[in-house]
Amino acid sequence: MRTPGVAFVGTYQWQPTTKVPSGLHVKGQLRDEDKNDGHNVYLRTKVEGYQWGHLKGVQKKHIKVDKVFYDGAVLKTKKVRMHACIDRGSLRPDHCSPEQLFSRK
């Protein structure tokens, strides 16, 4: 996932319900690719019918992501939407990469 100023390079895998925690396992690197813009970066995830979840990055840095989204909503669904975003403050809308849809088989 990439848009000017932010990128997430990594993988995802659905953990089986026999593994604890089970859910969507996201692993990779969240990158602030424009260190001089003064904005933070984050990943957004959404399960249908629920609010967006956030995984915050660090301004001017690349961070490792190794997270399992395991709440009840993720365990009951077969689809999760995700994209990488730039937090541009309260006066301007955030800028996000196109949504990626991850489906469980």
C-alpha atoms as a PDB file:
ATOM      1  CA  MET A   1       0.000   0.000   0.000  1.00  0.00           C
ATOM      2  CA  ARG A   2       1.471   3.302  -1.032  1.00  0.00           C
ATOM      3  CA  THR A   3       0.543   6.936  -1.543  1.00  0.00           C
ATOM      4  CA  PRO A   4       2.826   9.999  -1.561  1.00  0.00           C
ATOM      5  CA  GLY A   5       4.354  10.316   1.912  1.00  0.00           C
ATOM      6  CA  VAL A   6       3.417   6.897   3.331  1.00  0.00           C
ATOM      7  CA  ALA A   7       3.838   3.237   2.486  1.00  0.00           C
ATOM      8  CA  PHE A   8       3.162  -0.111   4.100  1.00  0.00           C
ATOM      9  CA  VAL A   9       5.248  -2.965   2.776  1.00  0.00           C
ATOM     10  CA  GLY A  10       4.433  -6.335   4.250  1.00  0.00           C
ATOM     11  CA  THR A  11       2.251  -9.395   4.348  1.00  0.00           C
ATOM     12  CA  TYR A  12      -1.008 -10.535   5.865  1.00  0.00           C
ATOM     13  CA  GLN A  13      -2.233 -13.927   6.932  1.00  0.00           C
ATOM     14  CA  TRP A  14      -5.439 -15.161   8.495  1.00  0.00           C
ATOM     15  CA  GLN A  15      -4.578 -17.031  11.700  1.00  0.00           C
ATOM     16  CA  PRO A  16      -6.682 -20.173  12.203  1.00  0.00           C
ATOM     17  CA  THR A  17      -9.123 -20.208  15.100  1.00  0.00           C
ATOM     18  CA  THR A  18      -6.995 -22.922  16.733  1.00  0.00           C
ATOM     19  CA  LYS A  19      -4.077 -20.480  17.092  1.00  0.00           C
ATOM     20  CA  VAL A  20      -4.135 -17.865  19.860  1.00  0.00           C
ATOM     21  CA  PRO A  21      -4.665 -15.098  19.058  1.00  0.00           C
ATOM     22  CA  SER A  22      -6.609 -15.876  15.917  1.00  0.00           C
ATOM     23  CA  GLY A  23      -7.528 -13.134  13.452  1.00  0.00           C
ATOM     24  CA  LEU A  24      -5.762 -11.137  10.747  1.00  0.00           C
ATOM     25  CA  HIS A  25      -1.960 -11.129  11.234  1.00  0.00           C
ATOM     26  CA  VAL A  26      -0.281  -8.124   9.578  1.00  0.00           C
ATOM     27  CA  LYS A  27       3.501  -8.021   9.439  1.00  0.00           C
ATOM     28  CA  GLY A  28       5.786  -5.559   7.681  1.00  0.00           C
ATOM     29  CA  GLN A  29       7.038  -1.999   7.785  1.00  0.00           C
ATOM     30  CA  LEU A  30       5.039   1.237   7.973  1.00  0.00           C
ATOM     31  CA  ARG A  31       7.148   3.971   6.391  1.00  0.00           C
ATOM     32  CA  ASP A  32       7.023   7.736   6.618  1.00  0.00           C
ATOM     33  CA  GLU A  33       8.388   8.453   3.140  1.00  0.00           C
ATOM     34  CA  ASP A  34       8.353  12.259   3.384  1.00  0.00           C
ATOM     35  CA  LYS A  35      10.215  13.082   6.565  1.00  0.00           C
ATOM     36  CA  ASN A  36      10.001  16.833   5.994  1.00  0.00           C
ATOM     37  CA  ASP A  37       6.200  17.177   5.646  1.00  0.00           C
ATOM     38  CA  GLY A  38       5.568  17.316   9.417  1.00  0.00           C
ATOM     39  CA  HIS A  39       2.823  14.645   9.321  1.00  0.00           C
ATOM     40  CA  ASN A  40       2.444  11.336  11.124  1.00  0.00           C
ATOM     41  CA  VAL A  41       1.463   8.110   9.328  1.00  0.00           C
ATOM     42  CA  TYR A  42      -0.873   5.266  10.316  1.00  0.00           C
ATOM     43  CA  LEU A  43      -2.628   2.110   9.109  1.00  0.00           C
ATOM     44  CA  ARG A  44      -6.429   1.955   9.116  1.00  0.00           C
ATOM     45  CA  THR A  45      -8.411  -1.279   9.271  1.00  0.00           C
ATOM     46  CA  LYS A  46     -12.138  -1.812   8.957  1.00  0.00           C
ATOM     47  CA  VAL A  47     -14.469  -4.731   9.453  1.00  0.00           C
ATOM     48  CA  GLU A  48     -17.903  -4.250   7.878  1.00  0.00           C
ATOM     49  CA  GLY A  49     -20.374  -2.808  10.353  1.00  0.00           C
ATOM     50  CA  TYR A  50     -17.695  -1.521  12.743  1.00  0.00           C
ATOM     51  CA  GLN A  51     -15.626   1.655  13.037  1.00  0.00           C
ATOM     52  CA  TRP A  52     -12.175   2.113  11.551  1.00  0.00           C
ATOM     53  CA  GLY A  53      -9.280   0.948  13.729  1.00  0.00           C
ATOM     54  CA  HIS A  54      -5.895   2.708  13.727  1.00  0.00           C
ATOM     55  CA  LEU A  55      -2.321   1.563  14.134  1.00  0.00           C
ATOM     56  CA  LYS A  56      -0.200   4.684  14.606  1.00  0.00           C
ATOM     57  CA  GLY A  57       3.246   5.115  13.102  1.00  0.00           C
ATOM     58  CA  VAL A  58       6.015   7.472  14.153  1.00  0.00           C
ATOM     59  CA  GLN A  59       6.742  10.726  12.363  1.00  0.00           C
ATOM     60  CA  LYS A  60      10.018  10.729  10.380  1.00  0.00           C
ATOM     61  CA  LYS A  61      10.614   6.999  11.011  1.00  0.00           C
ATOM     62  CA  HIS A  62       9.923   3.538   9.680  1.00  0.00           C
ATOM     63  CA  ILE A  63       8.355   1.173  12.202  1.00  0.00           C
ATOM     64  CA  LYS A  64       8.017  -2.592  12.236  1.00  0.00           C
ATOM     65  CA  VAL A  65       4.442  -3.852  12.348  1.00  0.00           C
ATOM     66  CA  ASP A  66       3.682  -7.298  13.752  1.00  0.00           C
ATOM     67  CA  LYS A  67       0.066  -7.175  14.882  1.00  0.00           C
ATOM     68  CA  VAL A  68      -2.842  -9.575  15.025  1.00  0.00           C
ATOM     69  CA  PHE A  69      -6.242  -7.906  14.728  1.00  0.00           C
ATOM     70  CA  TYR A  70      -8.236 -10.308  16.864  1.00  0.00           C
ATOM     71  CA  ASP A  71     -11.321  -8.540  18.212  1.00  0.00           C
ATOM     72  CA  GLY A  72     -14.702 -10.247  17.967  1.00  0.00           C
ATOM     73  CA  ALA A  73     -15.602  -8.478  14.735  1.00  0.00           C
ATOM     74  CA  VAL A  74     -12.527  -9.815  12.930  1.00  0.00           C
ATOM     75  CA  LEU A  75     -13.166 -13.363  14.143  1.00  0.00           C
ATOM     76  CA  LYS A  76     -16.680 -13.391  12.681  1.00  0.00           C
ATOM     77  CA  THR A  77     -15.957 -11.817   9.301  1.00  0.00           C
ATOM     78  CA  LYS A  78     -14.269 -13.010   6.148  1.00  0.00           C
ATOM     79  CA  LYS A  79     -13.246  -9.557   4.900  1.00  0.00           C
ATOM     80  CA  VAL A  80     -11.088  -6.747   6.285  1.00  0.00           C
ATOM     81  CA  ARG A  81     -10.297  -3.447   4.532  1.00  0.00           C
ATOM     82  CA  MET A  82      -6.983  -1.720   5.140  1.00  0.00           C
ATOM     83  CA  HIS A  83      -5.004   1.264   3.887  1.00  0.00           C
ATOM     84  CA  ALA A  84      -2.029   3.442   4.833  1.00  0.00           C
ATOM     85  CA  CYS A  85      -2.681   7.119   5.610  1.00  0.00           C
ATOM     86  CA  ILE A  86      -1.028  10.438   6.393  1.00  0.00           C
ATOM     87  CA  ASP A  87      -2.449  12.346   9.371  1.00  0.00           C
ATOM     88  CA  ARG A  88      -2.643  15.903   8.027  1.00  0.00           C
ATOM     89  CA  GLY A  89      -4.231  17.455  11.100  1.00  0.00           C
ATOM     90  CA  SER A  90      -7.737  18.604  11.917  1.00  0.00           C
ATOM     91  CA  LEU A  91      -8.137  21.254   9.196  1.00  0.00           C
ATOM     92  CA  ARG A  92      -7.259  19.121   6.179  1.00  0.00           C
ATOM     93  CA  PRO A  93      -8.519  15.630   5.405  1.00  0.00           C
ATOM     94  CA  ASP A  94      -6.073  12.756   5.793  1.00  0.00           C
ATOM     95  CA  HIS A  95      -4.579  11.344   2.613  1.00  0.00           C
ATOM     96  CA  CYS A  96      -4.807   7.562   2.233  1.00  0.00           C
ATOM     97  CA  SER A  97      -3.693   4.888  -0.202  1.00  0.00           C
ATOM     98  CA  PRO A  98      -6.393   2.965  -2.085  1.00  0.00           C
ATOM     99  CA  GLU A  99      -8.158   0.436   0.147  1.00  0.00           C
ATOM    100  CA  GLN A 100      -6.998  -3.155   0.023  1.00  0.00           C
ATOM    101  CA  LEU A 101      -9.546  -5.890   0.694  1.00  0.00           C
ATOM    102  CA  PHE A 102      -8.220  -8.968   2.499  1.00  0.00           C
ATOM    103  CA  SER A 103     -10.521 -11.995   2.303  1.00  0.00           C
ATOM    104  CA  ARG A 104     -10.457 -15.196   4.298  1.00  0.00           C
ATOM    105  CA  LYS A 105     -10.822 -18.369   2.261  1.00  0.00           C
END
